[in-house]
Amino acid sequence: MDAYLFDTTVLSIYLDPNHPHHVAKSPSLAALPTDSPRFVSAVALAELGFGTNLAALLGKGSLATLEAMLVQARAYAVLDITHHTASVYAEVKSKVAHKYLAKTLRKDRPKYIQEWVDRATDQKLAIDENDLWMCAQAKERDLVFVTADARMKRISDADPDVRILII
């Protein structure tokens, strides 16, 4: 039986009934086996908390909705980052770098993966460091990482041991 780790995008869509993709995407999450464990990363909680805090500071969005989403997200079993996760993160990130940037990395060492450019397409990889941490958590614990971001497939293409379900 698979267990699942929810990405921040999935939590935003699923927990916010006013999200533009809520109606279309929620059935995909509801279709997951009900007896399968579902987890949230501490990283996703941080991202949701950042969004909530920023909205409060800017006076934008529905603060009540954002706070309710954060409470609902915290109700899931939360996975923390550990030294074991750090080892898997290093492995996943190096596989992504090798797949998309091997030629470039022989000459230079870009610091931030969001700025890395795939030389075959001249496109930024646009893989967020937080996404790599959550994928590392999923791989470490043999979970399926559930996301609504199709770009995440780049990670599983580079490291097939990262199982990703794109809804």
Protein backbone atom coordinates (compact mmCIF):
# COMPACT_ATOMS: atom_id res chain seq x y z
CA MET A 1 0.00 0.00 0.00
CA ASP A 2 1.38 3.39 -0.99
CA ALA A 3 1.61 6.32 1.39
CA TYR A 4 1.57 9.91 0.19
CA LEU A 5 3.38 13.17 0.88
CA PHE A 6 1.44 16.26 -0.22
CA ASP A 7 3.17 19.17 -1.91
CA THR A 8 2.32 22.74 -0.95
CA THR A 9 0.51 23.29 -4.26
CA VAL A 10 -1.72 20.30 -3.60
CA LEU A 11 -2.49 21.48 -0.07
CA SER A 12 -3.37 24.94 -1.37
CA ILE A 13 -5.73 23.51 -3.98
CA TYR A 14 -7.28 20.87 -1.75
CA LEU A 15 -7.71 22.90 1.44
CA ASP A 16 -8.97 26.12 -0.14
CA PRO A 17 -12.50 25.70 -1.52
CA ASN A 18 -12.09 29.05 -3.32
CA HIS A 19 -8.91 28.00 -5.16
CA PRO A 20 -9.47 28.15 -8.94
CA HIS A 21 -8.41 24.48 -9.31
CA HIS A 22 -10.21 23.13 -6.23
CA VAL A 23 -13.20 21.68 -8.08
CA ALA A 24 -11.13 20.15 -10.88
CA LYS A 25 -8.28 18.70 -8.79
CA SER A 26 -9.96 17.63 -5.53
CA PRO A 27 -11.47 14.44 -7.01
CA SER A 28 -7.93 13.21 -7.81
CA LEU A 29 -6.98 13.51 -4.15
CA ALA A 30 -10.27 12.05 -2.99
CA ALA A 31 -9.57 9.06 -5.26
CA LEU A 32 -6.44 8.13 -3.31
CA PRO A 33 -7.05 5.02 -1.19
CA THR A 34 -8.67 6.14 2.06
CA ASP A 35 -6.62 3.70 4.13
CA SER A 36 -3.32 5.01 2.75
CA PRO A 37 -1.32 7.23 5.09
CA ARG A 38 -1.03 10.89 4.07
CA PHE A 39 1.73 13.19 5.22
CA VAL A 40 2.70 16.85 5.08
CA SER A 41 6.27 18.08 5.17
CA ALA A 42 7.42 20.66 7.68
CA VAL A 43 8.67 22.46 4.55
CA ALA A 44 5.11 22.70 3.17
CA LEU A 45 3.91 24.02 6.53
CA ALA A 46 6.63 26.67 6.37
CA GLU A 47 5.57 27.67 2.87
CA LEU A 48 1.90 27.89 3.89
CA GLY A 49 2.87 29.83 7.01
CA PHE A 50 4.94 32.23 4.92
CA GLY A 51 1.97 32.83 2.61
CA THR A 52 -0.33 33.42 5.56
CA ASN A 53 2.08 35.79 7.31
CA LEU A 54 2.80 37.71 4.13
CA ALA A 55 -0.89 38.07 3.32
CA ALA A 56 -1.47 39.44 6.83
CA LEU A 57 1.37 41.96 6.47
CA LEU A 58 0.19 43.07 3.04
CA GLY A 59 -3.49 43.09 3.98
CA LYS A 60 -4.27 40.86 1.00
CA GLY A 61 -6.30 37.71 0.60
CA SER A 62 -8.64 36.07 3.04
CA LEU A 63 -6.63 35.71 6.23
CA ALA A 64 -9.32 33.50 7.79
CA THR A 65 -9.13 31.09 4.83
CA LEU A 66 -5.33 31.00 4.91
CA GLU A 67 -5.24 30.39 8.66
CA ALA A 68 -7.87 27.63 8.31
CA MET A 69 -5.76 25.98 5.60
CA LEU A 70 -2.73 26.05 7.88
CA VAL A 71 -4.70 24.45 10.71
CA GLN A 72 -6.00 21.74 8.36
CA ALA A 73 -2.51 21.08 6.99
CA ARG A 74 -1.13 20.71 10.52
CA ALA A 75 -3.75 18.02 11.19
CA TYR A 76 -1.87 15.62 8.89
CA ALA A 77 1.10 13.67 10.18
CA VAL A 78 4.01 16.08 9.77
CA LEU A 79 7.42 14.93 8.56
CA ASP A 80 10.45 16.81 9.83
CA ILE A 81 13.76 17.22 8.03
CA THR A 82 16.43 14.97 9.56
CA HIS A 83 20.07 14.21 8.90
CA HIS A 84 18.82 11.19 6.94
CA THR A 85 16.78 13.53 4.74
CA ALA A 86 19.88 15.65 4.17
CA SER A 87 21.75 12.66 2.74
CA VAL A 88 18.90 11.81 0.38
CA TYR A 89 18.53 15.49 -0.59
CA ALA A 90 22.19 15.59 -1.62
CA GLU A 91 21.70 12.47 -3.72
CA VAL A 92 18.53 13.74 -5.43
CA LYS A 93 19.96 17.20 -6.14
CA SER A 94 23.18 15.75 -7.57
CA LYS A 95 21.17 13.46 -9.87
CA VAL A 96 19.13 16.43 -11.11
CA ALA A 97 22.33 18.40 -11.69
CA HIS A 98 23.95 15.48 -13.50
CA LYS A 99 20.96 14.89 -15.76
CA TYR A 100 20.37 18.48 -16.78
CA LEU A 101 23.66 20.26 -16.21
CA ALA A 102 26.54 17.80 -16.48
CA LYS A 103 28.31 19.74 -19.23
CA THR A 104 27.88 23.09 -17.47
CA LEU A 105 28.97 21.75 -14.11
CA ARG A 106 32.28 20.60 -15.54
CA LYS A 107 33.11 24.30 -16.03
CA ASP A 108 31.19 26.09 -13.30
CA ARG A 109 29.16 25.37 -10.16
CA PRO A 110 25.90 27.33 -10.11
CA LYS A 111 24.69 27.90 -6.57
CA TYR A 112 20.92 27.97 -6.87
CA ILE A 113 19.00 25.32 -8.74
CA GLN A 114 16.25 27.77 -9.71
CA GLU A 115 18.82 29.62 -11.81
CA TRP A 116 20.27 26.50 -13.43
CA VAL A 117 19.66 26.40 -17.17
CA ASP A 118 19.09 23.24 -19.15
CA ARG A 119 21.59 23.60 -22.01
CA ALA A 120 19.47 21.46 -24.31
CA THR A 121 16.50 23.84 -24.10
CA ASP A 122 18.04 27.06 -22.73
CA GLN A 123 15.24 27.06 -20.18
CA LYS A 124 15.67 27.57 -16.44
CA LEU A 125 15.04 24.33 -14.61
CA ALA A 126 12.75 26.20 -12.20
CA ILE A 127 13.05 23.49 -9.56
CA ASP A 128 12.61 25.00 -6.13
CA GLU A 129 14.97 23.96 -3.33
CA ASN A 130 11.97 23.33 -1.08
CA ASP A 131 10.56 20.92 -3.66
CA LEU A 132 13.86 19.03 -3.63
CA TRP A 133 13.70 18.76 0.17
CA MET A 134 10.16 17.38 0.02
CA CYS A 135 11.09 14.95 -2.75
CA ALA A 136 14.02 13.83 -0.62
CA GLN A 137 11.64 13.19 2.26
CA ALA A 138 9.38 11.17 -0.03
CA LYS A 139 12.28 9.12 -1.36
CA GLU A 140 13.75 8.60 2.11
CA ARG A 141 10.47 7.19 3.39
CA ASP A 142 9.35 5.50 0.13
CA LEU A 143 6.33 7.79 -0.19
CA VAL A 144 4.60 9.00 -3.33
CA PHE A 145 5.05 12.76 -3.66
CA VAL A 146 1.75 14.29 -4.77
CA THR A 147 1.96 17.60 -6.62
CA ALA A 148 0.03 19.73 -9.08
CA ASP A 149 3.24 21.10 -10.59
CA ALA A 150 4.09 19.23 -13.80
CA ARG A 151 7.66 20.58 -13.70
CA MET A 152 8.31 18.23 -10.78
CA LYS A 153 8.55 15.40 -13.30
CA ARG A 154 12.07 16.66 -13.98
CA ILE A 155 13.08 15.42 -10.56
CA SER A 156 11.73 11.91 -11.05
CA ASP A 157 13.20 11.85 -14.56
CA ALA A 158 16.61 12.49 -13.00
CA ASP A 159 16.03 10.13 -10.05
CA PRO A 160 13.44 7.41 -10.75
CA ASP A 161 13.47 6.45 -7.06
CA VAL A 162 11.53 9.66 -6.40
CA ARG A 163 7.96 8.61 -7.04
CA ILE A 164 5.77 11.51 -8.12
CA LEU A 165 2.04 11.66 -8.76
CA ILE A 166 1.01 14.76 -10.70
CA ILE A 167 -2.66 15.59 -10.31
